[in-house]
Amino acid sequence: MNQITELDKRIIELSDRFEQEVLNLRRAIHENPELSFHEVRTAGLVQQALESIGLIVKCGIAGTGLIADIHGFKPGRTLLLRADMDALPIQEQNDLPFRSKNDSVMHACGHDVHTANLVGVAKILYELRDSWSGTIRLVFQPAEENGGGGREMIRAGILDDISIDASIALHTMATAAPGHFSLGWGNVTAYSDKFSIIVHGQQTHSSQPQNGVDAIAIAAQIITAINGILLKDIDPMDRATYSIGTIQGGVAPNIVPDHVEMCGMMRNITAQTREILREKISSTAEGIARSLGGSAEFLFTEGYSSVYNDPALTDFVAKQIQDKSPFWLEGIEGKPHAEEWLVRETRPILGAEDYGFYTQRIPSCFYRVATGDAAPAHSPHFLVQEPYIKLCTRSMSSLAISYLMELE
């Protein structure tokens, strides 16, 4: 086990000192949730909190995003820390004193915790700035849930005005006992993209089918055919899936339709598999439609990139978690017993996370902290146990400082 330093102990002390401020901010954000690209009040609370520390905050990035830099006592590496701020269109069903006041809007994925936590981390890092070198860039982004706010922040230049060496982000987790950490290497989430297939036929009356081209019949053939792509064109060891979620076509029972539109999602782990699916679904749809006398268009809407955990950086984070998690857990009420606090992810998930846009540009590590297992994310009963928010604050602060001091 790494030796616990005086700086480690200061992080614990400061996390205790700032805990109530972090909880108060989290509750204020939780009871006033805002949807993607509408995080005006949330951004205002973050700006006020950061400026009260003494930081210069750049606001209005990609609409409601913010960044701020903290400089250590001498030049060194630059590390980006990211939090997402948006909520979900869900009606909260938790009985809390700070339950959502906004009808059908809820922080059901922990972004209120991510945001308040990063403010707490900023307070600790600023307080200890004479003890570490380099620069911390704090990123508070909009629209992780719907709209790719991370992509828009990057397009606005937040990775271009300074040289950034690495990035770290965390996420709450409801699939393990509170207090555990979860970490994977390489691709840990999926590319997630929308596609549409528009089939064109020729309308006719059902009494004269020979005079038309049935777009619904063509669509049925396409759906059956593309289901074989995963069996024959994708490496069995790769993870990929796709589905047709909506079909629209036809005007009346006695009319052979000339138009059908199908919309779906495709999810896969690697960029190579993504391109195979994109090409095969397109060529299959177009070929079948043409062979049956019609035509088809394939429309691809790029979604989120896969989160890729840089192996070397992830090794570093894993070692820190293994060595320091018992120390980070000290004094946390209700801490369960465990022999091993780090859960190693053996395979990626097919869910999407727009932190992937950052990981495609800079070496990154995305880890998860178990903060409550009452209900899964995106559930109206999703709930974070507040004592474990401090575990997020302690771990991220410690990882940040340890990374910046690693080569000293």
Protein backbone atom coordinates (compact mmCIF):
# COMPACT_ATOMS: atom_id res chain seq x y z
CA MET A 1 0.00 0.00 0.00
CA ASN A 2 1.26 3.48 -0.86
CA GLN A 3 2.23 5.51 2.14
CA ILE A 4 -0.52 7.92 3.17
CA THR A 5 1.05 11.36 3.10
CA GLU A 6 0.26 14.54 4.99
CA LEU A 7 -1.26 15.85 1.77
CA ASP A 8 -3.62 12.85 1.67
CA LYS A 9 -4.66 13.66 5.23
CA ARG A 10 -5.29 17.29 4.28
CA ILE A 11 -7.60 16.15 1.49
CA ILE A 12 -9.63 14.18 4.03
CA GLU A 13 -9.77 17.14 6.41
CA LEU A 14 -10.85 19.54 3.68
CA SER A 15 -13.47 17.13 2.33
CA ASP A 16 -14.97 17.08 5.82
CA ARG A 17 -14.82 20.87 6.07
CA PHE A 18 -16.50 21.43 2.71
CA GLU A 19 -18.94 18.51 2.89
CA GLN A 20 -21.96 20.51 3.97
CA GLU A 21 -21.37 23.13 1.29
CA VAL A 22 -21.22 20.38 -1.34
CA LEU A 23 -24.41 18.78 0.00
CA ASN A 24 -26.22 22.13 0.08
CA LEU A 25 -25.24 22.81 -3.54
CA ARG A 26 -26.26 19.31 -4.59
CA ARG A 27 -29.66 19.71 -2.95
CA ALA A 28 -30.21 23.12 -4.55
CA ILE A 29 -29.43 21.64 -7.97
CA HIS A 30 -31.49 18.51 -7.33
CA GLU A 31 -34.67 20.37 -6.42
CA ASN A 32 -34.32 22.68 -9.42
CA PRO A 33 -33.34 20.27 -12.23
CA GLU A 34 -32.92 21.57 -15.77
CA LEU A 35 -32.96 19.70 -19.07
CA SER A 36 -30.17 19.61 -21.64
CA PHE A 37 -28.95 23.02 -22.83
CA HIS A 38 -31.30 24.72 -20.34
CA GLU A 39 -29.03 24.54 -17.27
CA VAL A 40 -29.18 28.30 -16.67
CA ARG A 41 -29.84 28.27 -12.93
CA THR A 42 -27.43 25.40 -12.36
CA ALA A 43 -24.66 27.18 -14.25
CA GLY A 44 -25.34 30.31 -12.20
CA LEU A 45 -24.92 28.40 -8.95
CA VAL A 46 -21.66 26.89 -10.18
CA GLN A 47 -20.34 30.26 -11.33
CA GLN A 48 -21.18 31.84 -7.98
CA ALA A 49 -19.49 29.01 -6.07
CA LEU A 50 -16.31 29.11 -8.17
CA GLU A 51 -16.00 32.88 -8.08
CA SER A 52 -16.40 32.82 -4.30
CA ILE A 53 -13.21 30.74 -4.18
CA GLY A 54 -11.38 33.32 -6.26
CA LEU A 55 -11.43 31.61 -9.65
CA ILE A 56 -11.93 33.32 -12.99
CA VAL A 57 -14.86 31.61 -14.68
CA LYS A 58 -15.55 31.57 -18.41
CA CYS A 59 -19.29 31.18 -18.94
CA GLY A 60 -21.72 30.66 -21.79
CA ILE A 61 -19.71 27.96 -23.58
CA ALA A 62 -21.98 25.83 -25.79
CA GLY A 63 -24.85 27.76 -24.21
CA THR A 64 -24.60 27.08 -20.49
CA GLY A 65 -21.17 25.46 -20.06
CA LEU A 66 -18.42 26.83 -17.83
CA ILE A 67 -14.69 26.34 -17.42
CA ALA A 68 -12.20 27.57 -14.82
CA ASP A 69 -8.50 26.91 -14.30
CA ILE A 70 -6.62 26.39 -11.04
CA HIS A 71 -2.83 26.82 -11.16
CA GLY A 72 -0.43 25.08 -8.83
CA PHE A 73 2.68 26.61 -7.32
CA LYS A 74 4.78 26.01 -10.43
CA PRO A 75 4.27 24.96 -14.08
CA GLY A 76 3.63 21.31 -14.87
CA ARG A 77 1.14 19.06 -16.58
CA THR A 78 -2.48 20.03 -17.23
CA LEU A 79 -5.34 17.79 -16.14
CA LEU A 80 -8.98 18.27 -17.15
CA LEU A 81 -11.75 17.33 -14.71
CA ARG A 82 -15.27 17.17 -16.13
CA ALA A 83 -18.79 17.20 -14.68
CA ASP A 84 -22.16 17.19 -16.46
CA MET A 85 -25.06 19.36 -15.28
CA ASP A 86 -28.30 18.32 -17.00
CA ALA A 87 -31.30 16.38 -15.73
CA LEU A 88 -33.80 14.00 -17.34
CA PRO A 89 -37.49 14.28 -18.37
CA ILE A 90 -38.65 12.02 -15.53
CA GLN A 91 -41.15 12.64 -12.73
CA GLU A 92 -39.37 12.09 -9.42
CA GLN A 93 -41.04 9.66 -7.02
CA ASN A 94 -38.61 9.97 -4.10
CA ASP A 95 -39.86 11.46 -0.86
CA LEU A 96 -37.07 13.95 -0.16
CA PRO A 97 -37.05 17.40 1.46
CA PHE A 98 -35.23 18.57 -1.68
CA ARG A 99 -37.38 16.63 -4.14
CA SER A 100 -37.60 18.11 -7.65
CA LYS A 101 -39.82 21.17 -7.86
CA ASN A 102 -39.98 20.98 -11.65
CA ASP A 103 -42.76 18.81 -13.01
CA SER A 104 -41.50 15.83 -15.05
CA VAL A 105 -37.84 16.83 -14.65
CA MET A 106 -35.48 14.97 -12.33
CA HIS A 107 -31.81 14.36 -11.63
CA ALA A 108 -32.14 10.62 -12.13
CA CYS A 109 -28.56 9.98 -13.25
CA GLY A 110 -26.48 11.71 -10.58
CA HIS A 111 -25.45 14.80 -12.53
CA ASP A 112 -26.42 16.98 -9.58
CA VAL A 113 -23.83 15.03 -7.59
CA HIS A 114 -21.22 15.27 -10.35
CA THR A 115 -21.62 19.04 -10.49
CA ALA A 116 -21.60 19.70 -6.75
CA ASN A 117 -18.74 17.25 -6.31
CA LEU A 118 -16.52 19.04 -8.82
CA VAL A 119 -17.15 22.32 -7.02
CA GLY A 120 -16.02 20.60 -3.81
CA VAL A 121 -12.95 19.25 -5.59
CA ALA A 122 -12.20 22.76 -6.83
CA LYS A 123 -12.33 24.09 -3.26
CA ILE A 124 -9.87 21.43 -2.08
CA LEU A 125 -7.47 21.87 -5.00
CA TYR A 126 -7.50 25.64 -4.61
CA GLU A 127 -6.85 25.37 -0.89
CA LEU A 128 -3.88 23.08 -1.58
CA ARG A 129 -2.56 24.88 -4.67
CA ASP A 130 0.80 25.60 -3.00
CA SER A 131 1.34 21.84 -2.68
CA TRP A 132 1.06 20.74 -6.32
CA SER A 133 2.33 21.88 -9.71
CA GLY A 134 0.62 22.25 -13.04
CA THR A 135 -2.91 23.26 -13.96
CA ILE A 136 -6.37 21.85 -13.33
CA ARG A 137 -9.03 22.73 -15.90
CA LEU A 138 -12.53 22.39 -14.46
CA VAL A 139 -15.24 21.71 -17.07
CA PHE A 140 -18.94 21.91 -16.26
CA GLN A 141 -20.79 20.89 -19.39
CA PRO A 142 -24.42 20.93 -20.46
CA ALA A 143 -26.47 18.28 -22.21
CA GLU A 144 -24.80 14.95 -21.58
CA GLU A 145 -28.18 13.25 -21.68
CA ASN A 146 -29.53 14.74 -24.88
CA GLY A 147 -27.50 16.74 -27.33
CA GLY A 148 -23.84 15.89 -26.85
CA GLY A 149 -22.88 18.88 -24.74
CA GLY A 150 -19.36 17.54 -24.43
CA ARG A 151 -18.98 17.58 -28.21
CA GLU A 152 -20.25 21.16 -28.32
CA MET A 153 -17.87 22.27 -25.57
CA ILE A 154 -14.96 20.76 -27.50
CA ARG A 155 -16.13 22.44 -30.70
CA ALA A 156 -16.09 25.70 -28.76
CA GLY A 157 -12.37 25.19 -28.17
CA ILE A 158 -11.98 24.13 -24.54
CA LEU A 159 -9.25 21.65 -25.50
CA ASP A 160 -7.43 24.02 -27.83
CA ASP A 161 -6.43 27.15 -25.90
CA ILE A 162 -4.07 25.21 -23.60
CA SER A 163 -2.23 21.93 -23.93
CA ILE A 164 -4.09 19.28 -21.90
CA ASP A 165 -2.21 16.14 -20.95
CA ALA A 166 -5.03 14.02 -19.54
CA SER A 167 -8.60 13.98 -18.32
CA ILE A 168 -10.50 12.30 -15.50
CA ALA A 169 -14.24 12.07 -14.90
CA LEU A 170 -16.45 10.07 -12.56
CA HIS A 171 -20.03 8.86 -12.52
CA THR A 172 -22.29 7.69 -9.72
CA MET A 173 -23.14 3.99 -9.86
CA ALA A 174 -26.21 2.06 -8.70
CA THR A 175 -25.08 -1.45 -9.58
CA ALA A 176 -22.74 -2.20 -6.67
CA ALA A 177 -22.79 -1.80 -2.90
CA PRO A 178 -22.07 1.81 -1.88
CA GLY A 179 -18.40 2.56 -1.40
CA HIS A 180 -17.12 0.47 -4.30
CA PHE A 181 -15.31 1.80 -7.35
CA SER A 182 -15.71 0.41 -10.87
CA LEU A 183 -13.08 0.75 -13.56
CA GLY A 184 -12.51 -0.63 -17.05
CA TRP A 185 -9.66 -0.51 -19.54
CA GLY A 186 -9.91 0.49 -23.20
CA ASN A 187 -13.41 0.98 -24.64
CA VAL A 188 -15.84 0.98 -21.71
CA THR A 189 -19.01 2.35 -23.34
CA ALA A 190 -20.50 2.16 -26.82
CA TYR A 191 -20.67 4.32 -29.87
CA SER A 192 -24.37 5.17 -30.07
CA ASP A 193 -25.83 6.40 -33.36
CA LYS A 194 -29.26 6.96 -34.87
CA PHE A 195 -30.16 5.80 -38.36
CA SER A 196 -33.15 6.01 -40.64
CA ILE A 197 -34.10 3.93 -43.67
CA ILE A 198 -36.57 5.60 -46.02
CA VAL A 199 -38.20 3.23 -48.51
CA HIS A 200 -39.78 4.57 -51.70
CA GLY A 201 -42.29 2.51 -53.68
CA GLN A 202 -45.25 3.33 -55.87
CA GLN A 203 -48.73 3.82 -54.53
CA THR A 204 -51.66 1.89 -55.95
CA HIS A 205 -55.04 0.54 -54.94
CA SER A 206 -54.94 -2.84 -53.19
CA SER A 207 -57.19 -4.26 -55.94
CA GLN A 208 -54.40 -3.56 -58.48
CA PRO A 209 -51.12 -4.49 -56.74
CA GLN A 210 -49.44 -5.11 -60.09
CA ASN A 211 -49.51 -1.36 -60.74
CA GLY A 212 -47.55 -0.40 -57.63
CA VAL A 213 -44.49 -1.13 -55.53
CA ASP A 214 -45.31 -2.02 -51.93
CA ALA A 215 -43.01 -0.02 -49.64
CA ILE A 216 -44.18 -1.96 -46.55
CA ALA A 217 -43.30 -5.28 -48.16
CA ILE A 218 -39.85 -3.91 -49.01
CA ALA A 219 -39.42 -2.64 -45.44
CA ALA A 220 -40.29 -6.08 -44.08
CA GLN A 221 -37.66 -7.71 -46.28
CA ILE A 222 -35.06 -5.15 -45.19
CA ILE A 223 -35.73 -5.74 -41.49
CA THR A 224 -35.40 -9.50 -41.92
CA ALA A 225 -32.20 -9.17 -43.92
CA ILE A 226 -30.31 -6.72 -41.73
CA ASN A 227 -30.87 -8.94 -38.71
CA GLY A 228 -28.35 -11.31 -40.27
CA ILE A 229 -25.56 -8.73 -40.35
CA LEU A 230 -24.61 -9.32 -36.72
CA LEU A 231 -24.33 -13.05 -37.40
CA LYS A 232 -22.15 -12.96 -40.50
CA ASP A 233 -20.40 -9.61 -40.82
CA ILE A 234 -19.34 -8.76 -37.26
CA ASP A 235 -16.54 -10.45 -35.35
CA PRO A 236 -18.27 -12.68 -32.76
CA MET A 237 -15.92 -11.26 -30.11
CA ASP A 238 -17.10 -7.69 -30.76
CA ARG A 239 -20.09 -6.23 -28.98
CA ALA A 240 -22.70 -4.63 -31.21
CA THR A 241 -26.43 -4.32 -31.50
CA TYR A 242 -29.03 -2.36 -33.39
CA SER A 243 -32.78 -2.17 -33.47
CA ILE A 244 -35.62 -0.56 -35.40
CA GLY A 245 -37.60 1.48 -32.90
CA THR A 246 -40.24 3.10 -35.12
CA ILE A 247 -41.91 2.36 -38.44
CA GLN A 248 -44.20 4.81 -40.17
CA GLY A 249 -45.94 4.25 -43.48
CA GLY A 250 -49.25 3.78 -45.20
CA VAL A 251 -52.36 5.92 -45.46
CA ALA A 252 -55.24 3.45 -45.59
CA PRO A 253 -55.88 -0.32 -45.38
CA ASN A 254 -56.82 -0.51 -49.06
CA ILE A 255 -53.87 1.47 -50.42
CA VAL A 256 -50.48 -0.04 -51.25
CA PRO A 257 -48.11 2.56 -49.74
CA ASP A 258 -45.31 4.31 -51.57
CA HIS A 259 -43.37 5.46 -48.52
CA VAL A 260 -42.12 3.88 -45.29
CA GLU A 261 -39.66 5.38 -42.79
CA MET A 262 -37.89 3.25 -40.21
CA CYS A 263 -35.78 4.73 -37.42
CA GLY A 264 -33.43 2.91 -35.10
CA MET A 265 -30.28 2.94 -33.02
CA MET A 266 -26.99 1.14 -33.49
CA ARG A 267 -24.52 0.58 -30.68
CA ASN A 268 -21.05 -0.89 -30.92
CA ILE A 269 -17.73 -0.70 -29.16
CA THR A 270 -15.13 0.02 -31.84
CA ALA A 271 -14.94 2.54 -34.66
CA GLN A 272 -14.26 -0.32 -37.09
CA THR A 273 -17.46 -2.16 -36.15
CA ARG A 274 -19.36 1.10 -36.35
CA GLU A 275 -18.28 1.57 -39.97
CA ILE A 276 -19.07 -2.05 -40.89
CA LEU A 277 -22.61 -1.72 -39.54
CA ARG A 278 -23.09 1.63 -41.21
CA GLU A 279 -22.01 0.31 -44.64
CA LYS A 280 -23.76 -3.07 -44.40
CA ILE A 281 -27.14 -1.74 -43.25
CA SER A 282 -27.04 0.91 -45.98
CA SER A 283 -26.03 -1.44 -48.81
CA THR A 284 -28.48 -4.16 -47.71
CA ALA A 285 -31.43 -1.76 -47.57
CA GLU A 286 -30.60 -0.15 -50.89
CA GLY A 287 -30.01 -3.49 -52.63
CA ILE A 288 -33.24 -5.11 -51.45
CA ALA A 289 -35.34 -2.07 -52.32
CA ARG A 290 -33.81 -1.92 -55.79
CA SER A 291 -34.37 -5.63 -56.40
CA LEU A 292 -38.06 -5.26 -55.59
CA GLY A 293 -38.59 -2.26 -57.83
CA GLY A 294 -38.27 0.50 -55.27
CA SER A 295 -35.47 2.49 -53.71
CA ALA A 296 -34.14 3.17 -50.22
CA GLU A 297 -32.16 5.94 -48.53
CA PHE A 298 -29.97 5.32 -45.50
CA LEU A 299 -29.52 8.33 -43.22
CA PHE A 300 -26.90 8.15 -40.46
CA THR A 301 -26.87 10.58 -37.53
CA GLU A 302 -23.64 10.40 -35.58
CA GLY A 303 -24.26 10.13 -31.86
CA TYR A 304 -21.86 9.62 -28.97
CA SER A 305 -18.34 8.26 -29.20
CA SER A 306 -17.20 5.31 -27.14
CA VAL A 307 -15.51 6.22 -23.86
CA TYR A 308 -11.94 4.96 -24.16
CA ASN A 309 -9.96 4.57 -20.95
CA ASP A 310 -6.28 5.05 -21.69
CA PRO A 311 -4.59 1.89 -20.35
CA ALA A 312 -1.60 3.62 -18.75
CA LEU A 313 -3.70 6.30 -17.06
CA THR A 314 -6.23 3.68 -15.98
CA ASP A 315 -3.45 1.56 -14.46
CA PHE A 316 -2.44 4.62 -12.45
CA VAL A 317 -6.00 5.30 -11.30
CA ALA A 318 -6.54 1.63 -10.39
CA LYS A 319 -3.38 1.59 -8.26
CA GLN A 320 -4.50 4.73 -6.43
CA ILE A 321 -7.96 3.27 -5.79
CA GLN A 322 -6.54 -0.02 -4.56
CA ASP A 323 -4.10 1.66 -2.22
CA LYS A 324 -6.17 4.55 -0.93
CA SER A 325 -9.85 3.55 -1.00
CA PRO A 326 -9.81 2.25 2.62
CA PHE A 327 -8.36 5.61 3.65
CA TRP A 328 -10.90 7.57 1.57
CA LEU A 329 -13.71 5.58 3.21
CA GLU A 330 -12.65 6.44 6.77
CA GLY A 331 -15.38 8.14 8.74
CA ILE A 332 -18.09 7.61 6.14
CA GLU A 333 -21.28 6.60 7.90
CA GLY A 334 -22.64 3.17 7.04
CA LYS A 335 -19.51 2.00 5.24
CA PRO A 336 -19.98 -1.71 4.44
CA HIS A 337 -17.19 -4.24 4.83
CA ALA A 338 -15.34 -5.45 1.74
CA GLU A 339 -12.06 -7.16 1.05
CA GLU A 340 -11.75 -5.44 -2.32
CA TRP A 341 -13.21 -2.02 -3.10
CA LEU A 342 -12.24 -1.93 -6.78
CA VAL A 343 -14.52 -3.75 -9.23
CA ARG A 344 -12.66 -4.41 -12.47
CA GLU A 345 -14.97 -4.21 -15.47
CA THR A 346 -14.30 -7.18 -17.75
CA ARG A 347 -16.38 -6.01 -20.69
CA PRO A 348 -17.77 -2.71 -21.96
CA ILE A 349 -21.40 -1.69 -21.63
CA LEU A 350 -23.54 -0.81 -24.63
CA GLY A 351 -24.83 2.33 -22.98
CA ALA A 352 -23.57 5.71 -24.20
CA GLU A 353 -21.79 8.57 -22.43
CA ASP A 354 -20.66 11.77 -24.09
CA TYR A 355 -17.42 11.85 -22.12
CA GLY A 356 -16.35 9.73 -25.09
CA PHE A 357 -15.76 12.92 -27.08
CA TYR A 358 -13.04 13.94 -24.62
CA THR A 359 -11.46 10.49 -24.60
CA GLN A 360 -11.09 10.54 -28.40
CA ARG A 361 -8.91 13.66 -28.07
CA ILE A 362 -6.82 13.21 -24.91
CA PRO A 363 -5.71 10.33 -22.65
CA SER A 364 -8.59 9.88 -20.23
CA CYS A 365 -9.98 7.77 -17.43
CA PHE A 366 -13.65 7.40 -16.54
CA TYR A 367 -14.39 5.69 -13.24
CA ARG A 368 -17.57 5.03 -11.32
CA VAL A 369 -18.34 5.39 -7.63
CA ALA A 370 -21.11 3.34 -6.02
CA THR A 371 -23.23 5.89 -4.18
CA GLY A 372 -26.50 3.99 -3.72
CA ASP A 373 -28.24 0.90 -5.05
CA ALA A 374 -31.91 1.68 -4.33
CA ALA A 375 -32.87 1.92 -8.02
CA PRO A 376 -31.08 2.04 -11.38
CA ALA A 377 -30.18 5.25 -13.16
CA HIS A 378 -32.96 6.85 -15.22
CA SER A 379 -35.52 5.54 -12.74
CA PRO A 380 -37.96 7.84 -10.90
CA HIS A 381 -36.67 6.22 -7.69
CA PHE A 382 -32.95 6.73 -8.41
CA LEU A 383 -31.32 7.92 -5.21
CA VAL A 384 -27.78 8.79 -4.14
CA GLN A 385 -26.83 8.14 -0.53
CA GLU A 386 -25.32 11.42 0.57
CA PRO A 387 -22.48 10.11 2.79
CA TYR A 388 -20.85 8.65 -0.33
CA ILE A 389 -20.73 11.97 -2.16
CA LYS A 390 -17.71 12.73 0.00
CA LEU A 391 -16.09 9.60 -1.41
CA CYS A 392 -16.39 11.15 -4.87
CA THR A 393 -14.81 14.37 -3.62
CA ARG A 394 -11.95 12.64 -1.84
CA SER A 395 -11.12 10.27 -4.68
CA MET A 396 -11.18 12.86 -7.47
CA SER A 397 -9.14 15.37 -5.45
CA SER A 398 -6.57 12.74 -4.56
CA LEU A 399 -6.34 11.36 -8.10
CA ALA A 400 -5.87 14.84 -9.53
CA ILE A 401 -3.08 15.82 -7.17
CA SER A 402 -1.39 12.43 -7.40
CA TYR A 403 -1.39 12.62 -11.21
CA LEU A 404 0.11 16.13 -11.26
CA MET A 405 2.77 15.19 -8.71
CA GLU A 406 3.61 11.81 -10.27
CA LEU A 407 6.71 12.99 -12.18
CA GLU A 408 8.03 15.37 -9.55
